Amino acid sequence: MEDRKGLFVMKLTPDAGTIKTAKPRTVPIHEHLIAEGFIEMVRQVGKGALFYNDKTAQRLSADPLKPTRSRADTARAHLGEWVRGLGVKSYG
């Protein structure tokens, strides 16, 4: 996250997760996210994952038919469920 000409932006990279074009991109952070305290939250978290704890060991599945999902995949799934529960629809 950085401030460019008065705008807060995030650099999204493929090593942090799936990106459609597989190329890094810089995107502006919406003003409503800023108003809700997103910038302060990012500053408090510091380096590392924002939406899950990546500092502790991950539990592995004991069931070989149910492989362990990455924490990022699990967080993405929970976020998607929450957003859809708000009535936000995906187009595209």
N, C-alpha and C. Protein backbone atom coordinates (compact mmCIF):
# COMPACT_ATOMS: atom_id res chain seq x y z
N MET A 1 0.85 -1.16 0.00
CA MET A 1 0.00 0.00 0.00
C MET A 1 0.90 1.22 0.00
N GLU A 2 0.54 2.15 -0.79
CA GLU A 2 1.32 3.39 -0.83
C GLU A 2 0.40 4.52 -1.22
N ASP A 3 0.85 5.73 -0.98
CA ASP A 3 0.08 6.91 -1.32
C ASP A 3 0.68 7.50 -2.58
N ARG A 4 -0.09 7.53 -3.66
CA ARG A 4 0.38 8.10 -4.93
C ARG A 4 -0.48 9.30 -5.29
N LYS A 5 0.13 10.45 -5.26
CA LYS A 5 -0.58 11.68 -5.64
C LYS A 5 -1.90 11.81 -4.90
N GLY A 6 -1.88 11.52 -3.61
CA GLY A 6 -3.08 11.67 -2.81
C GLY A 6 -4.01 10.47 -2.84
N LEU A 7 -3.66 9.41 -3.57
CA LEU A 7 -4.49 8.20 -3.63
C LEU A 7 -3.77 7.05 -2.96
N PHE A 8 -4.51 6.28 -2.19
CA PHE A 8 -3.94 5.05 -1.66
C PHE A 8 -4.15 3.95 -2.68
N VAL A 9 -3.10 3.18 -2.92
CA VAL A 9 -3.16 2.09 -3.89
C VAL A 9 -2.55 0.83 -3.29
N MET A 10 -2.89 -0.31 -3.88
CA MET A 10 -2.27 -1.58 -3.49
C MET A 10 -1.67 -2.21 -4.73
N LYS A 11 -0.52 -2.81 -4.54
CA LYS A 11 0.09 -3.56 -5.64
C LYS A 11 -0.27 -5.02 -5.45
N LEU A 12 -0.96 -5.59 -6.42
CA LEU A 12 -1.37 -7.00 -6.39
C LEU A 12 -0.41 -7.78 -7.26
N THR A 13 0.12 -8.87 -6.71
CA THR A 13 1.10 -9.67 -7.45
C THR A 13 0.66 -11.12 -7.49
N PRO A 14 1.02 -11.84 -8.54
CA PRO A 14 0.65 -13.25 -8.66
C PRO A 14 1.17 -14.12 -7.52
N ASP A 15 2.30 -13.75 -6.91
CA ASP A 15 2.81 -14.58 -5.81
C ASP A 15 1.93 -14.46 -4.56
N ALA A 16 1.07 -13.45 -4.50
CA ALA A 16 0.16 -13.29 -3.37
C ALA A 16 -1.18 -13.99 -3.60
N GLY A 17 -1.43 -14.42 -4.81
CA GLY A 17 -2.70 -15.09 -5.13
C GLY A 17 -2.99 -15.01 -6.61
N THR A 18 -4.07 -15.62 -7.00
CA THR A 18 -4.42 -15.69 -8.41
C THR A 18 -4.79 -14.31 -8.93
N ILE A 19 -4.21 -13.96 -10.09
CA ILE A 19 -4.56 -12.73 -10.81
C ILE A 19 -4.86 -13.13 -12.24
N LYS A 20 -5.98 -12.62 -12.76
CA LYS A 20 -6.45 -13.03 -14.09
C LYS A 20 -5.37 -12.99 -15.16
N THR A 21 -4.62 -11.91 -15.24
CA THR A 21 -3.61 -11.77 -16.30
C THR A 21 -2.26 -12.36 -15.91
N ALA A 22 -2.12 -12.79 -14.66
CA ALA A 22 -0.86 -13.31 -14.12
C ALA A 22 0.23 -12.25 -14.12
N LYS A 23 -0.15 -10.97 -14.20
CA LYS A 23 0.82 -9.87 -14.17
C LYS A 23 0.48 -8.96 -12.99
N PRO A 24 1.52 -8.42 -12.32
CA PRO A 24 1.25 -7.50 -11.21
C PRO A 24 0.46 -6.29 -11.68
N ARG A 25 -0.35 -5.75 -10.80
CA ARG A 25 -1.08 -4.52 -11.14
C ARG A 25 -1.23 -3.68 -9.88
N THR A 26 -1.36 -2.39 -10.08
CA THR A 26 -1.57 -1.45 -8.99
C THR A 26 -2.99 -0.93 -9.11
N VAL A 27 -3.74 -1.05 -8.01
CA VAL A 27 -5.15 -0.64 -8.04
C VAL A 27 -5.42 0.36 -6.92
N PRO A 28 -6.31 1.32 -7.17
CA PRO A 28 -6.65 2.28 -6.11
C PRO A 28 -7.54 1.62 -5.06
N ILE A 29 -7.43 2.11 -3.84
CA ILE A 29 -8.28 1.62 -2.75
C ILE A 29 -9.50 2.54 -2.68
N HIS A 30 -10.66 1.95 -2.71
CA HIS A 30 -11.91 2.72 -2.75
C HIS A 30 -12.04 3.60 -1.51
N GLU A 31 -12.58 4.78 -1.70
CA GLU A 31 -12.72 5.75 -0.60
C GLU A 31 -13.55 5.23 0.56
N HIS A 32 -14.53 4.37 0.28
CA HIS A 32 -15.34 3.81 1.36
C HIS A 32 -14.52 2.86 2.23
N LEU A 33 -13.60 2.11 1.63
CA LEU A 33 -12.72 1.25 2.42
C LEU A 33 -11.82 2.09 3.31
N ILE A 34 -11.34 3.19 2.77
CA ILE A 34 -10.49 4.09 3.56
C ILE A 34 -11.29 4.66 4.73
N ALA A 35 -12.54 5.09 4.45
CA ALA A 35 -13.40 5.65 5.49
C ALA A 35 -13.71 4.62 6.58
N GLU A 36 -13.76 3.34 6.22
CA GLU A 36 -14.06 2.29 7.19
C GLU A 36 -12.83 1.86 8.00
N GLY A 37 -11.66 2.47 7.72
CA GLY A 37 -10.48 2.19 8.52
C GLY A 37 -9.52 1.17 7.93
N PHE A 38 -9.66 0.87 6.64
CA PHE A 38 -8.80 -0.14 6.02
C PHE A 38 -7.31 0.23 6.12
N ILE A 39 -6.98 1.50 5.91
CA ILE A 39 -5.57 1.92 5.94
C ILE A 39 -4.99 1.69 7.33
N GLU A 40 -5.75 2.06 8.36
CA GLU A 40 -5.27 1.86 9.73
C GLU A 40 -5.10 0.37 10.03
N MET A 41 -6.04 -0.47 9.56
CA MET A 41 -5.93 -1.91 9.78
C MET A 41 -4.66 -2.45 9.14
N VAL A 42 -4.37 -2.03 7.91
CA VAL A 42 -3.17 -2.49 7.21
C VAL A 42 -1.93 -2.07 7.98
N ARG A 43 -1.92 -0.86 8.47
CA ARG A 43 -0.75 -0.39 9.23
C ARG A 43 -0.57 -1.19 10.52
N GLN A 44 -1.68 -1.56 11.18
CA GLN A 44 -1.58 -2.35 12.40
C GLN A 44 -1.08 -3.76 12.13
N VAL A 45 -1.54 -4.36 11.04
CA VAL A 45 -1.12 -5.72 10.71
C VAL A 45 0.35 -5.75 10.30
N GLY A 46 0.78 -4.75 9.56
CA GLY A 46 2.16 -4.71 9.08
C GLY A 46 2.37 -5.70 7.94
N LYS A 47 3.55 -6.27 7.87
CA LYS A 47 3.85 -7.22 6.80
C LYS A 47 3.13 -8.54 7.03
N GLY A 48 2.77 -9.18 5.95
CA GLY A 48 2.11 -10.48 6.07
C GLY A 48 0.67 -10.42 5.62
N ALA A 49 -0.02 -11.50 5.86
CA ALA A 49 -1.41 -11.63 5.42
C ALA A 49 -2.31 -10.68 6.22
N LEU A 50 -3.29 -10.12 5.54
CA LEU A 50 -4.22 -9.19 6.19
C LEU A 50 -5.42 -9.89 6.81
N PHE A 51 -5.86 -10.99 6.23
CA PHE A 51 -7.15 -11.56 6.61
C PHE A 51 -7.06 -12.94 7.26
N TYR A 52 -5.88 -13.39 7.58
CA TYR A 52 -5.70 -14.64 8.31
C TYR A 52 -4.33 -14.61 8.97
N ASN A 53 -4.13 -15.45 9.97
CA ASN A 53 -2.88 -15.48 10.72
C ASN A 53 -1.89 -16.40 10.00
N ASP A 54 -0.87 -15.82 9.41
CA ASP A 54 0.12 -16.64 8.71
C ASP A 54 1.36 -16.88 9.57
N LYS A 55 1.29 -16.56 10.85
CA LYS A 55 2.44 -16.69 11.73
C LYS A 55 2.47 -18.02 12.49
N THR A 56 1.33 -18.71 12.56
CA THR A 56 1.28 -19.98 13.28
C THR A 56 1.24 -21.15 12.29
N ALA A 57 1.62 -22.30 12.78
CA ALA A 57 1.63 -23.49 11.92
C ALA A 57 0.20 -23.84 11.49
N GLN A 58 0.06 -24.25 10.24
CA GLN A 58 -1.25 -24.62 9.71
C GLN A 58 -1.54 -26.08 10.04
N ARG A 59 -2.78 -26.34 10.46
CA ARG A 59 -3.19 -27.72 10.74
C ARG A 59 -3.40 -28.45 9.42
N LEU A 60 -2.93 -29.67 9.35
CA LEU A 60 -3.07 -30.46 8.14
C LEU A 60 -4.25 -31.42 8.29
N SER A 61 -4.90 -31.71 7.19
CA SER A 61 -6.03 -32.62 7.19
C SER A 61 -5.55 -34.05 7.41
N ALA A 62 -6.26 -34.76 8.28
CA ALA A 62 -5.94 -36.17 8.51
C ALA A 62 -6.61 -37.05 7.46
N ASP A 63 -7.53 -36.49 6.70
CA ASP A 63 -8.29 -37.24 5.70
C ASP A 63 -7.68 -37.02 4.32
N PRO A 64 -7.07 -38.04 3.72
CA PRO A 64 -6.44 -37.87 2.40
C PRO A 64 -7.44 -37.52 1.30
N LEU A 65 -8.72 -37.78 1.52
CA LEU A 65 -9.74 -37.43 0.52
C LEU A 65 -10.19 -35.98 0.65
N LYS A 66 -9.76 -35.31 1.70
CA LYS A 66 -10.08 -33.90 1.91
C LYS A 66 -8.76 -33.15 2.14
N PRO A 67 -8.05 -32.84 1.07
CA PRO A 67 -6.75 -32.18 1.24
C PRO A 67 -6.91 -30.80 1.90
N THR A 68 -5.90 -30.41 2.62
CA THR A 68 -5.90 -29.12 3.29
C THR A 68 -5.84 -28.00 2.26
N ARG A 69 -6.76 -27.03 2.42
CA ARG A 69 -6.71 -25.84 1.56
C ARG A 69 -5.75 -24.85 2.19
N SER A 70 -5.14 -24.02 1.36
CA SER A 70 -4.27 -22.99 1.91
C SER A 70 -5.11 -22.00 2.72
N ARG A 71 -4.47 -21.30 3.62
CA ARG A 71 -5.18 -20.30 4.41
C ARG A 71 -5.76 -19.21 3.51
N ALA A 72 -5.02 -18.86 2.48
CA ALA A 72 -5.52 -17.84 1.54
C ALA A 72 -6.79 -18.34 0.85
N ASP A 73 -6.80 -19.61 0.42
CA ASP A 73 -8.00 -20.17 -0.22
C ASP A 73 -9.19 -20.18 0.74
N THR A 74 -8.94 -20.54 1.98
CA THR A 74 -10.01 -20.57 2.98
C THR A 74 -10.54 -19.16 3.25
N ALA A 75 -9.63 -18.20 3.41
CA ALA A 75 -10.04 -16.81 3.64
C ALA A 75 -10.83 -16.28 2.46
N ARG A 76 -10.38 -16.60 1.24
CA ARG A 76 -11.07 -16.15 0.02
C ARG A 76 -12.49 -16.73 -0.03
N ALA A 77 -12.63 -18.00 0.32
CA ALA A 77 -13.95 -18.64 0.31
C ALA A 77 -14.88 -18.00 1.33
N HIS A 78 -14.37 -17.73 2.53
CA HIS A 78 -15.20 -17.10 3.57
C HIS A 78 -15.59 -15.68 3.15
N LEU A 79 -14.66 -14.95 2.58
CA LEU A 79 -14.96 -13.60 2.12
C LEU A 79 -16.03 -13.63 1.03
N GLY A 80 -15.90 -14.56 0.09
CA GLY A 80 -16.89 -14.69 -0.98
C GLY A 80 -18.28 -15.00 -0.44
N GLU A 81 -18.36 -15.90 0.54
CA GLU A 81 -19.65 -16.22 1.16
C GLU A 81 -20.25 -14.99 1.82
N TRP A 82 -19.42 -14.24 2.54
CA TRP A 82 -19.89 -13.05 3.22
C TRP A 82 -20.40 -12.01 2.23
N VAL A 83 -19.63 -11.76 1.16
CA VAL A 83 -20.02 -10.77 0.16
C VAL A 83 -21.31 -11.18 -0.52
N ARG A 84 -21.42 -12.44 -0.90
CA ARG A 84 -22.66 -12.91 -1.54
C ARG A 84 -23.84 -12.81 -0.57
N GLY A 85 -23.58 -13.02 0.72
CA GLY A 85 -24.62 -12.88 1.74
C GLY A 85 -25.13 -11.46 1.86
N LEU A 86 -24.29 -10.49 1.48
CA LEU A 86 -24.71 -9.08 1.46
C LEU A 86 -25.55 -8.76 0.24
N GLY A 87 -25.60 -9.70 -0.71
CA GLY A 87 -26.37 -9.48 -1.93
C GLY A 87 -25.55 -8.96 -3.10
N VAL A 88 -24.23 -8.93 -2.94
CA VAL A 88 -23.36 -8.48 -4.04
C VAL A 88 -23.24 -9.60 -5.04
N LYS A 89 -23.48 -9.28 -6.30
CA LYS A 89 -23.42 -10.28 -7.35
C LYS A 89 -22.16 -10.09 -8.18
N SER A 90 -21.62 -11.18 -8.68
CA SER A 90 -20.43 -11.15 -9.54
C SER A 90 -20.86 -11.12 -10.99
N TYR A 91 -20.32 -10.21 -11.73
CA TYR A 91 -20.58 -10.11 -13.16
C TYR A 91 -19.25 -10.24 -13.89
N GLY A 92 -19.27 -10.92 -15.02
CA GLY A 92 -18.03 -10.95 -15.78
C GLY A 92 -17.69 -12.23 -16.33
